[in-house]
Amino acid sequence: MVKGVPEEEVDTVVKKILDYLQLTKIVSTKPTDGSLGQGTQYGPGVNWKSAVEISDEDHFLDLSSNSLEIQTGRTVFYADGREFDSIACPNCGENNLECDWSTLFSQWIQDPTTADWQCKNCGTSNAISEYQFEPKWALGNLGFTFWNWPRLNDAFIERLEVLVGKKIEKVEGKI
């Protein structure tokens, strides 16, 4: 998930990242009909190995669902349906688990300005998108899902962060 992308910048950031991924042949230039997800999808390119930690996991190339999906619009990004272990305040780190987070997520999707939460410890009010969720969840206007790909490497993520000048949060998991 690309953090801090305002709605008016989403198309520009998508273009930068997709152009880079296609130019470096990490993903294909042709959209594909992926069976997972619902957004625009692209299959792996010939240089997909440069984006992953373990390049000998090429068995994913044989799967019918192995594409990159681009997700735009306010989205709650998560890897699986596990319960939260903690929801840490971005200021003091206090666990704010005792809250109706599903209602706040719904509010955030409708209008992010109505979904702030005041920490029970330090009293600071922050956007819920700033809280640290464990297991990892993230809230944003733009995300890239690499369906069934091996784990993405840190150098790849760092290159994308430099490219767009934004922090990228990896939300990982296997179902």
N, C-alpha and C. Protein backbone atom coordinates (compact mmCIF):
# COMPACT_ATOMS: atom_id res chain seq x y z
N MET A 1 0.84 -1.16 0.00
CA MET A 1 0.00 0.00 0.00
C MET A 1 0.90 1.23 0.00
N VAL A 2 0.62 2.17 -0.89
CA VAL A 2 1.39 3.41 -0.98
C VAL A 2 0.75 4.40 -0.01
N LYS A 3 1.51 4.82 0.97
CA LYS A 3 0.99 5.65 2.05
C LYS A 3 0.95 7.13 1.66
N GLY A 4 -0.11 7.82 2.10
CA GLY A 4 -0.18 9.27 1.94
C GLY A 4 -0.40 9.76 0.52
N VAL A 5 -1.10 9.00 -0.30
CA VAL A 5 -1.39 9.44 -1.67
C VAL A 5 -2.80 10.06 -1.68
N PRO A 6 -2.89 11.38 -1.85
CA PRO A 6 -4.21 12.00 -1.95
C PRO A 6 -4.94 11.51 -3.20
N GLU A 7 -6.26 11.54 -3.15
CA GLU A 7 -7.07 11.05 -4.28
C GLU A 7 -6.66 11.69 -5.60
N GLU A 8 -6.33 12.99 -5.58
CA GLU A 8 -5.99 13.68 -6.82
C GLU A 8 -4.63 13.27 -7.40
N GLU A 9 -3.81 12.55 -6.62
CA GLU A 9 -2.49 12.10 -7.10
C GLU A 9 -2.46 10.63 -7.48
N VAL A 10 -3.53 9.90 -7.21
CA VAL A 10 -3.53 8.44 -7.42
C VAL A 10 -3.14 8.07 -8.84
N ASP A 11 -3.78 8.67 -9.84
CA ASP A 11 -3.49 8.31 -11.25
C ASP A 11 -2.03 8.55 -11.61
N THR A 12 -1.45 9.65 -11.12
CA THR A 12 -0.05 9.96 -11.41
C THR A 12 0.88 8.92 -10.79
N VAL A 13 0.60 8.53 -9.54
CA VAL A 13 1.45 7.54 -8.87
C VAL A 13 1.28 6.17 -9.51
N VAL A 14 0.06 5.80 -9.87
CA VAL A 14 -0.16 4.52 -10.57
C VAL A 14 0.66 4.49 -11.85
N LYS A 15 0.60 5.56 -12.63
CA LYS A 15 1.33 5.61 -13.90
C LYS A 15 2.83 5.46 -13.68
N LYS A 16 3.39 6.18 -12.68
CA LYS A 16 4.83 6.09 -12.41
C LYS A 16 5.23 4.66 -12.07
N ILE A 17 4.47 4.04 -11.17
CA ILE A 17 4.84 2.69 -10.73
C ILE A 17 4.62 1.68 -11.85
N LEU A 18 3.49 1.75 -12.52
CA LEU A 18 3.22 0.78 -13.60
C LEU A 18 4.22 0.95 -14.74
N ASP A 19 4.53 2.19 -15.11
CA ASP A 19 5.54 2.41 -16.16
C ASP A 19 6.87 1.79 -15.76
N TYR A 20 7.27 1.99 -14.51
CA TYR A 20 8.54 1.42 -14.02
C TYR A 20 8.49 -0.11 -14.07
N LEU A 21 7.42 -0.70 -13.55
CA LEU A 21 7.31 -2.16 -13.51
C LEU A 21 7.31 -2.77 -14.91
N GLN A 22 6.69 -2.06 -15.86
CA GLN A 22 6.66 -2.58 -17.23
C GLN A 22 7.96 -2.31 -17.97
N LEU A 23 8.56 -1.15 -17.75
CA LEU A 23 9.84 -0.84 -18.39
C LEU A 23 10.94 -1.79 -17.94
N THR A 24 10.94 -2.14 -16.65
CA THR A 24 11.94 -3.06 -16.12
C THR A 24 11.53 -4.52 -16.30
N LYS A 25 10.38 -4.74 -16.91
CA LYS A 25 9.85 -6.07 -17.22
C LYS A 25 9.61 -6.94 -15.99
N ILE A 26 9.25 -6.28 -14.88
CA ILE A 26 8.85 -7.02 -13.69
C ILE A 26 7.43 -7.54 -13.89
N VAL A 27 6.58 -6.74 -14.56
CA VAL A 27 5.25 -7.20 -14.95
C VAL A 27 5.08 -7.01 -16.45
N SER A 28 4.12 -7.72 -16.99
CA SER A 28 3.81 -7.66 -18.41
C SER A 28 3.19 -6.32 -18.78
N THR A 29 3.27 -5.97 -20.04
CA THR A 29 2.64 -4.74 -20.52
C THR A 29 1.18 -4.95 -20.88
N LYS A 30 0.75 -6.22 -20.94
CA LYS A 30 -0.63 -6.51 -21.32
C LYS A 30 -1.47 -6.85 -20.09
N PRO A 31 -2.61 -6.19 -19.96
CA PRO A 31 -3.52 -6.57 -18.87
C PRO A 31 -3.94 -8.03 -19.03
N THR A 32 -4.24 -8.67 -17.90
CA THR A 32 -4.64 -10.06 -17.91
C THR A 32 -5.95 -10.23 -17.14
N ASP A 33 -6.60 -11.33 -17.38
CA ASP A 33 -7.82 -11.65 -16.63
C ASP A 33 -7.42 -12.49 -15.43
N GLY A 34 -7.11 -11.84 -14.31
CA GLY A 34 -6.77 -12.56 -13.10
C GLY A 34 -8.02 -13.09 -12.45
N SER A 35 -7.90 -14.24 -11.81
CA SER A 35 -9.09 -14.81 -11.17
C SER A 35 -9.25 -14.31 -9.73
N LEU A 36 -8.26 -13.65 -9.19
CA LEU A 36 -8.36 -13.07 -7.85
C LEU A 36 -8.46 -11.56 -7.98
N GLY A 37 -9.13 -10.95 -7.03
CA GLY A 37 -9.22 -9.49 -7.05
C GLY A 37 -10.17 -9.00 -8.14
N GLN A 38 -10.28 -7.67 -8.22
CA GLN A 38 -11.23 -7.11 -9.17
C GLN A 38 -10.68 -5.95 -9.98
N GLY A 39 -9.51 -5.45 -9.63
CA GLY A 39 -8.95 -4.31 -10.35
C GLY A 39 -8.20 -4.75 -11.60
N THR A 40 -7.56 -3.79 -12.25
CA THR A 40 -6.72 -4.06 -13.41
C THR A 40 -5.55 -4.93 -12.97
N GLN A 41 -5.21 -5.96 -13.77
CA GLN A 41 -4.15 -6.89 -13.40
C GLN A 41 -3.17 -7.11 -14.54
N TYR A 42 -1.93 -7.41 -14.15
CA TYR A 42 -0.85 -7.67 -15.10
C TYR A 42 -0.07 -8.89 -14.62
N GLY A 43 0.26 -9.79 -15.56
CA GLY A 43 1.02 -10.99 -15.22
C GLY A 43 2.48 -10.66 -14.98
N PRO A 44 3.24 -11.62 -14.44
CA PRO A 44 4.66 -11.41 -14.21
C PRO A 44 5.41 -11.24 -15.53
N GLY A 45 6.41 -10.35 -15.52
CA GLY A 45 7.27 -10.16 -16.68
C GLY A 45 8.51 -11.02 -16.57
N VAL A 46 9.36 -10.97 -17.56
CA VAL A 46 10.56 -11.83 -17.59
C VAL A 46 11.54 -11.50 -16.47
N ASN A 47 11.49 -10.30 -15.91
CA ASN A 47 12.41 -9.91 -14.83
C ASN A 47 11.76 -9.91 -13.45
N TRP A 48 10.71 -10.70 -13.26
CA TRP A 48 10.00 -10.74 -11.98
C TRP A 48 10.92 -11.07 -10.82
N LYS A 49 11.96 -11.86 -11.09
CA LYS A 49 12.88 -12.29 -10.01
C LYS A 49 13.58 -11.14 -9.33
N SER A 50 13.74 -10.01 -10.02
CA SER A 50 14.44 -8.87 -9.41
C SER A 50 13.61 -8.20 -8.30
N ALA A 51 12.34 -8.57 -8.18
CA ALA A 51 11.47 -7.96 -7.18
C ALA A 51 11.26 -8.83 -5.95
N VAL A 52 11.73 -10.07 -5.97
CA VAL A 52 11.39 -11.01 -4.89
C VAL A 52 12.62 -11.45 -4.11
N GLU A 53 12.36 -11.95 -2.90
CA GLU A 53 13.45 -12.41 -2.03
C GLU A 53 14.05 -13.72 -2.51
N ILE A 54 13.21 -14.68 -2.85
CA ILE A 54 13.69 -16.01 -3.24
C ILE A 54 13.29 -16.26 -4.68
N SER A 55 14.27 -16.16 -5.56
CA SER A 55 13.98 -16.20 -7.00
C SER A 55 13.78 -17.60 -7.55
N ASP A 56 13.98 -18.65 -6.74
CA ASP A 56 13.76 -20.00 -7.28
C ASP A 56 12.35 -20.50 -6.99
N GLU A 57 11.47 -19.63 -6.53
CA GLU A 57 10.07 -19.99 -6.30
C GLU A 57 9.24 -19.73 -7.56
N ASP A 58 9.72 -20.20 -8.71
CA ASP A 58 9.04 -19.91 -9.96
C ASP A 58 7.82 -20.78 -10.21
N HIS A 59 7.48 -21.66 -9.28
CA HIS A 59 6.27 -22.47 -9.42
C HIS A 59 5.01 -21.61 -9.50
N PHE A 60 5.07 -20.38 -8.98
CA PHE A 60 3.90 -19.50 -9.03
C PHE A 60 3.56 -19.10 -10.47
N LEU A 61 4.51 -19.24 -11.39
CA LEU A 61 4.25 -18.92 -12.80
C LEU A 61 3.23 -19.87 -13.42
N ASP A 62 3.09 -21.06 -12.85
CA ASP A 62 2.15 -22.05 -13.36
C ASP A 62 0.73 -21.85 -12.84
N LEU A 63 0.57 -20.97 -11.87
CA LEU A 63 -0.75 -20.73 -11.28
C LEU A 63 -1.60 -19.85 -12.19
N SER A 64 -2.90 -20.05 -12.16
CA SER A 64 -3.78 -19.20 -12.96
C SER A 64 -3.94 -17.82 -12.31
N SER A 65 -3.62 -17.72 -11.03
CA SER A 65 -3.73 -16.45 -10.30
C SER A 65 -2.34 -16.03 -9.83
N ASN A 66 -1.64 -15.28 -10.65
CA ASN A 66 -0.29 -14.85 -10.29
C ASN A 66 -0.02 -13.42 -10.77
N SER A 67 -1.01 -12.61 -10.72
CA SER A 67 -0.88 -11.28 -11.32
C SER A 67 -0.68 -10.18 -10.30
N LEU A 68 -0.36 -9.00 -10.81
CA LEU A 68 -0.33 -7.77 -10.03
C LEU A 68 -1.68 -7.10 -10.22
N GLU A 69 -2.33 -6.77 -9.11
CA GLU A 69 -3.60 -6.05 -9.17
C GLU A 69 -3.39 -4.65 -8.60
N ILE A 70 -3.88 -3.64 -9.31
CA ILE A 70 -3.79 -2.26 -8.86
C ILE A 70 -5.14 -1.89 -8.26
N GLN A 71 -5.13 -1.46 -7.00
CA GLN A 71 -6.36 -1.10 -6.30
C GLN A 71 -6.34 0.39 -5.99
N THR A 72 -7.35 1.10 -6.45
CA THR A 72 -7.45 2.53 -6.19
C THR A 72 -8.75 2.83 -5.43
N GLY A 73 -8.75 3.95 -4.77
CA GLY A 73 -9.89 4.32 -3.93
C GLY A 73 -9.62 3.93 -2.50
N ARG A 74 -10.31 4.56 -1.56
CA ARG A 74 -10.08 4.26 -0.15
C ARG A 74 -10.31 2.78 0.12
N THR A 75 -9.27 2.14 0.64
CA THR A 75 -9.30 0.70 0.87
C THR A 75 -8.61 0.38 2.19
N VAL A 76 -9.15 -0.61 2.89
CA VAL A 76 -8.49 -1.18 4.05
C VAL A 76 -7.74 -2.41 3.55
N PHE A 77 -6.42 -2.35 3.57
CA PHE A 77 -5.59 -3.44 3.06
C PHE A 77 -5.22 -4.37 4.21
N TYR A 78 -5.50 -5.67 4.04
CA TYR A 78 -5.17 -6.65 5.05
C TYR A 78 -4.85 -7.97 4.37
N ALA A 79 -4.13 -8.83 5.07
CA ALA A 79 -3.68 -10.07 4.46
C ALA A 79 -4.57 -11.26 4.79
N ASP A 80 -5.19 -11.25 5.92
CA ASP A 80 -6.08 -12.34 6.29
C ASP A 80 -7.07 -11.83 7.33
N GLY A 81 -7.91 -12.69 7.80
CA GLY A 81 -8.98 -12.27 8.70
C GLY A 81 -8.67 -12.45 10.18
N ARG A 82 -7.39 -12.55 10.54
CA ARG A 82 -7.05 -12.75 11.95
C ARG A 82 -7.47 -11.56 12.81
N GLU A 83 -7.71 -11.84 14.08
CA GLU A 83 -8.02 -10.80 15.05
C GLU A 83 -6.77 -9.95 15.29
N PHE A 84 -6.98 -8.70 15.68
CA PHE A 84 -5.85 -7.84 16.01
C PHE A 84 -5.21 -8.28 17.33
N ASP A 85 -3.88 -8.28 17.35
CA ASP A 85 -3.14 -8.48 18.59
C ASP A 85 -2.97 -7.14 19.29
N SER A 86 -2.74 -6.10 18.49
CA SER A 86 -2.58 -4.75 19.05
C SER A 86 -2.88 -3.70 17.99
N ILE A 87 -3.26 -2.53 18.48
CA ILE A 87 -3.47 -1.36 17.64
C ILE A 87 -2.80 -0.20 18.38
N ALA A 88 -1.56 0.09 17.97
CA ALA A 88 -0.72 1.01 18.73
C ALA A 88 -0.91 2.46 18.30
N CYS A 89 -1.00 3.33 19.30
CA CYS A 89 -1.07 4.78 19.07
C CYS A 89 0.21 5.24 18.38
N PRO A 90 0.11 6.06 17.35
CA PRO A 90 1.32 6.54 16.67
C PRO A 90 2.15 7.50 17.53
N ASN A 91 1.58 8.02 18.62
CA ASN A 91 2.31 8.95 19.48
C ASN A 91 3.01 8.25 20.64
N CYS A 92 2.26 7.44 21.39
CA CYS A 92 2.82 6.87 22.61
C CYS A 92 2.99 5.36 22.56
N GLY A 93 2.41 4.70 21.54
CA GLY A 93 2.53 3.25 21.40
C GLY A 93 1.53 2.45 22.21
N GLU A 94 0.66 3.13 22.97
CA GLU A 94 -0.34 2.43 23.78
C GLU A 94 -1.26 1.59 22.89
N ASN A 95 -1.60 0.39 23.39
CA ASN A 95 -2.50 -0.49 22.67
C ASN A 95 -3.93 0.01 22.85
N ASN A 96 -4.58 0.35 21.76
CA ASN A 96 -5.96 0.84 21.76
C ASN A 96 -6.91 -0.20 21.17
N LEU A 97 -6.72 -1.43 21.55
CA LEU A 97 -7.49 -2.54 21.00
C LEU A 97 -8.98 -2.46 21.34
N GLU A 98 -9.29 -1.90 22.49
CA GLU A 98 -10.68 -1.86 22.96
C GLU A 98 -11.46 -0.74 22.29
N CYS A 99 -11.82 -0.95 21.05
CA CYS A 99 -12.57 0.05 20.29
C CYS A 99 -13.33 -0.68 19.20
N ASP A 100 -14.37 -0.08 18.69
CA ASP A 100 -15.11 -0.66 17.58
C ASP A 100 -14.41 -0.25 16.28
N TRP A 101 -13.30 -0.92 15.97
CA TRP A 101 -12.50 -0.55 14.81
C TRP A 101 -13.24 -0.80 13.50
N SER A 102 -14.12 -1.79 13.44
CA SER A 102 -14.83 -2.02 12.18
C SER A 102 -15.72 -0.83 11.83
N THR A 103 -16.32 -0.20 12.83
CA THR A 103 -17.13 1.00 12.58
C THR A 103 -16.23 2.14 12.11
N LEU A 104 -15.07 2.29 12.76
CA LEU A 104 -14.14 3.35 12.33
C LEU A 104 -13.63 3.11 10.91
N PHE A 105 -13.36 1.85 10.55
CA PHE A 105 -12.94 1.55 9.18
C PHE A 105 -14.04 1.95 8.19
N SER A 106 -15.27 1.62 8.51
CA SER A 106 -16.39 1.99 7.63
C SER A 106 -16.51 3.50 7.50
N GLN A 107 -16.37 4.21 8.63
CA GLN A 107 -16.40 5.67 8.59
C GLN A 107 -15.26 6.21 7.72
N TRP A 108 -14.07 5.63 7.88
CA TRP A 108 -12.90 6.09 7.13
C TRP A 108 -13.13 5.92 5.62
N ILE A 109 -13.73 4.80 5.23
CA ILE A 109 -14.00 4.57 3.81
C ILE A 109 -14.97 5.63 3.28
N GLN A 110 -15.97 5.99 4.07
CA GLN A 110 -16.94 7.01 3.66
C GLN A 110 -16.31 8.40 3.64
N ASP A 111 -15.58 8.75 4.70
CA ASP A 111 -14.98 10.08 4.83
C ASP A 111 -13.87 10.02 5.88
N PRO A 112 -12.61 10.01 5.45
CA PRO A 112 -11.50 9.86 6.39
C PRO A 112 -11.45 10.93 7.49
N THR A 113 -12.04 12.08 7.25
CA THR A 113 -11.98 13.14 8.26
C THR A 113 -12.90 12.85 9.44
N THR A 114 -13.76 11.84 9.32
CA THR A 114 -14.68 11.51 10.42
C THR A 114 -14.20 10.30 11.22
N ALA A 115 -13.01 9.80 10.93
CA ALA A 115 -12.55 8.55 11.55
C ALA A 115 -11.26 8.74 12.34
N ASP A 116 -11.21 9.74 13.17
CA ASP A 116 -10.08 9.91 14.07
C ASP A 116 -10.37 9.16 15.37
N TRP A 117 -9.29 8.80 16.07
CA TRP A 117 -9.45 8.11 17.34
C TRP A 117 -8.52 8.76 18.36
N GLN A 118 -9.08 9.03 19.54
CA GLN A 118 -8.30 9.63 20.61
C GLN A 118 -7.73 8.51 21.47
N CYS A 119 -6.42 8.48 21.60
CA CYS A 119 -5.72 7.46 22.37
C CYS A 119 -6.19 7.50 23.82
N LYS A 120 -6.44 6.32 24.36
CA LYS A 120 -6.90 6.24 25.75
C LYS A 120 -5.79 6.57 26.75
N ASN A 121 -4.55 6.54 26.31
CA ASN A 121 -3.43 6.81 27.22
C ASN A 121 -2.97 8.26 27.15
N CYS A 122 -2.58 8.73 25.96
CA CYS A 122 -2.00 10.08 25.86
C CYS A 122 -3.02 11.14 25.48
N GLY A 123 -4.22 10.71 25.07
CA GLY A 123 -5.28 11.66 24.75
C GLY A 123 -5.14 12.34 23.40
N THR A 124 -4.14 11.97 22.62
CA THR A 124 -3.93 12.57 21.30
C THR A 124 -4.88 11.95 20.29
N SER A 125 -5.52 12.78 19.50
CA SER A 125 -6.41 12.30 18.46
C SER A 125 -5.64 12.20 17.14
N ASN A 126 -5.71 11.03 16.51
CA ASN A 126 -5.03 10.78 15.24
C ASN A 126 -5.98 10.12 14.26
N ALA A 127 -5.70 10.30 12.97
CA ALA A 127 -6.42 9.56 11.95
C ALA A 127 -6.17 8.07 12.19
N ILE A 128 -7.19 7.25 12.01
CA ILE A 128 -6.99 5.82 12.26
C ILE A 128 -5.95 5.22 11.30
N SER A 129 -5.74 5.86 10.17
CA SER A 129 -4.74 5.36 9.22
C SER A 129 -3.32 5.49 9.77
N GLU A 130 -3.13 6.25 10.85
CA GLU A 130 -1.80 6.42 11.44
C GLU A 130 -1.51 5.39 12.53
N TYR A 131 -2.53 4.70 13.02
CA TYR A 131 -2.31 3.68 14.04
C TYR A 131 -1.56 2.50 13.44
N GLN A 132 -0.81 1.77 14.28
CA GLN A 132 -0.03 0.62 13.84
C GLN A 132 -0.77 -0.65 14.23
N PHE A 133 -1.23 -1.40 13.23
CA PHE A 133 -2.02 -2.59 13.45
C PHE A 133 -1.14 -3.83 13.41
N GLU A 134 -1.41 -4.76 14.34
CA GLU A 134 -0.72 -6.05 14.36
C GLU A 134 -1.77 -7.14 14.51
N PRO A 135 -1.93 -8.05 13.54
CA PRO A 135 -1.15 -8.14 12.31
C PRO A 135 -1.34 -6.91 11.44
N LYS A 136 -0.41 -6.75 10.51
CA LYS A 136 -0.31 -5.55 9.69
C LYS A 136 -1.55 -5.33 8.84
N TRP A 137 -2.17 -4.17 9.01
CA TRP A 137 -3.24 -3.66 8.16
C TRP A 137 -2.81 -2.26 7.79
N ALA A 138 -3.31 -1.74 6.68
CA ALA A 138 -3.00 -0.37 6.28
C ALA A 138 -4.21 0.21 5.56
N LEU A 139 -4.36 1.53 5.67
CA LEU A 139 -5.48 2.23 5.05
C LEU A 139 -4.92 3.25 4.07
N GLY A 140 -5.43 3.25 2.85
CA GLY A 140 -4.93 4.19 1.86
C GLY A 140 -5.77 4.21 0.60
N ASN A 141 -5.38 5.10 -0.31
CA ASN A 141 -6.07 5.29 -1.59
C ASN A 141 -5.46 4.48 -2.73
N LEU A 142 -4.34 3.80 -2.47
CA LEU A 142 -3.65 3.10 -3.56
C LEU A 142 -2.88 1.91 -3.02
N GLY A 143 -3.10 0.76 -3.65
CA GLY A 143 -2.38 -0.44 -3.26
C GLY A 143 -2.10 -1.31 -4.46
N PHE A 144 -1.08 -2.13 -4.32
CA PHE A 144 -0.68 -3.08 -5.36
C PHE A 144 -0.63 -4.45 -4.72
N THR A 145 -1.46 -5.37 -5.21
CA THR A 145 -1.48 -6.73 -4.68
C THR A 145 -0.77 -7.64 -5.68
N PHE A 146 0.26 -8.33 -5.21
CA PHE A 146 1.00 -9.28 -6.02
C PHE A 146 0.48 -10.67 -5.65
N TRP A 147 -0.57 -11.11 -6.36
CA TRP A 147 -1.24 -12.36 -6.05
C TRP A 147 -0.31 -13.55 -6.25
N ASN A 148 -0.09 -14.31 -5.17
CA ASN A 148 0.68 -15.56 -5.16
C ASN A 148 2.16 -15.40 -5.50
N TRP A 149 2.66 -14.18 -5.53
CA TRP A 149 4.08 -13.97 -5.80
C TRP A 149 4.88 -14.36 -4.55
N PRO A 150 6.16 -14.74 -4.75
CA PRO A 150 7.04 -14.90 -3.58
C PRO A 150 7.15 -13.55 -2.86
N ARG A 151 7.64 -13.57 -1.63
CA ARG A 151 7.78 -12.35 -0.83
C ARG A 151 8.63 -11.31 -1.58
N LEU A 152 8.13 -10.08 -1.64
CA LEU A 152 8.86 -8.99 -2.31
C LEU A 152 10.06 -8.59 -1.47
N ASN A 153 11.18 -8.28 -2.15
CA ASN A 153 12.38 -7.91 -1.39
C ASN A 153 12.39 -6.42 -1.03
N ASP A 154 13.14 -6.10 0.01
CA ASP A 154 13.18 -4.73 0.52
C ASP A 154 13.78 -3.75 -0.49
N ALA A 155 14.77 -4.17 -1.26
CA ALA A 155 15.38 -3.28 -2.24
C ALA A 155 14.36 -2.86 -3.30
N PHE A 156 13.50 -3.77 -3.71
CA PHE A 156 12.45 -3.46 -4.67
C PHE A 156 11.49 -2.42 -4.10
N ILE A 157 11.06 -2.63 -2.87
CA ILE A 157 10.15 -1.68 -2.22
C ILE A 157 10.82 -0.31 -2.10
N GLU A 158 12.08 -0.29 -1.72
CA GLU A 158 12.82 0.98 -1.60
C GLU A 158 12.91 1.71 -2.93
N ARG A 159 13.13 0.97 -4.03
CA ARG A 159 13.18 1.61 -5.36
C ARG A 159 11.84 2.28 -5.69
N LEU A 160 10.75 1.61 -5.36
CA LEU A 160 9.43 2.20 -5.61
C LEU A 160 9.20 3.43 -4.74
N GLU A 161 9.65 3.39 -3.48
CA GLU A 161 9.49 4.54 -2.59
C GLU A 161 10.25 5.75 -3.12
N VAL A 162 11.46 5.54 -3.61
CA VAL A 162 12.24 6.63 -4.19
C VAL A 162 11.55 7.16 -5.44
N LEU A 163 11.05 6.26 -6.26
CA LEU A 163 10.39 6.63 -7.51
C LEU A 163 9.22 7.59 -7.28
N VAL A 164 8.39 7.29 -6.28
CA VAL A 164 7.18 8.08 -6.06
C VAL A 164 7.28 9.05 -4.88
N GLY A 165 8.38 8.98 -4.12
CA GLY A 165 8.55 9.88 -2.99
C GLY A 165 7.54 9.65 -1.88
N LYS A 166 7.08 8.42 -1.72
CA LYS A 166 6.09 8.06 -0.70
C LYS A 166 6.53 6.79 0.00
N LYS A 167 6.10 6.62 1.24
CA LYS A 167 6.35 5.41 2.01
C LYS A 167 5.43 4.31 1.48
N ILE A 168 5.98 3.12 1.39
CA ILE A 168 5.18 1.96 1.00
C ILE A 168 5.15 0.98 2.17
N GLU A 169 3.97 0.57 2.54
CA GLU A 169 3.81 -0.40 3.62
C GLU A 169 3.44 -1.73 3.02
N LYS A 170 4.24 -2.76 3.36
CA LYS A 170 3.95 -4.11 2.89
C LYS A 170 2.96 -4.76 3.86
N VAL A 171 1.87 -5.22 3.31
CA VAL A 171 0.89 -5.98 4.05
C VAL A 171 0.95 -7.37 3.44
N GLU A 172 1.50 -8.32 4.19
CA GLU A 172 1.77 -9.65 3.62
C GLU A 172 0.96 -10.73 4.32
N GLY A 173 0.71 -11.78 3.56
CA GLY A 173 0.06 -12.93 4.15
C GLY A 173 -0.25 -13.98 3.12
N LYS A 174 -0.53 -15.16 3.60
CA LYS A 174 -0.94 -16.27 2.75
C LYS A 174 -2.23 -16.81 3.33
N ILE A 175 -3.13 -17.13 2.44
CA ILE A 175 -4.40 -17.70 2.89
C ILE A 175 -4.35 -19.20 2.75
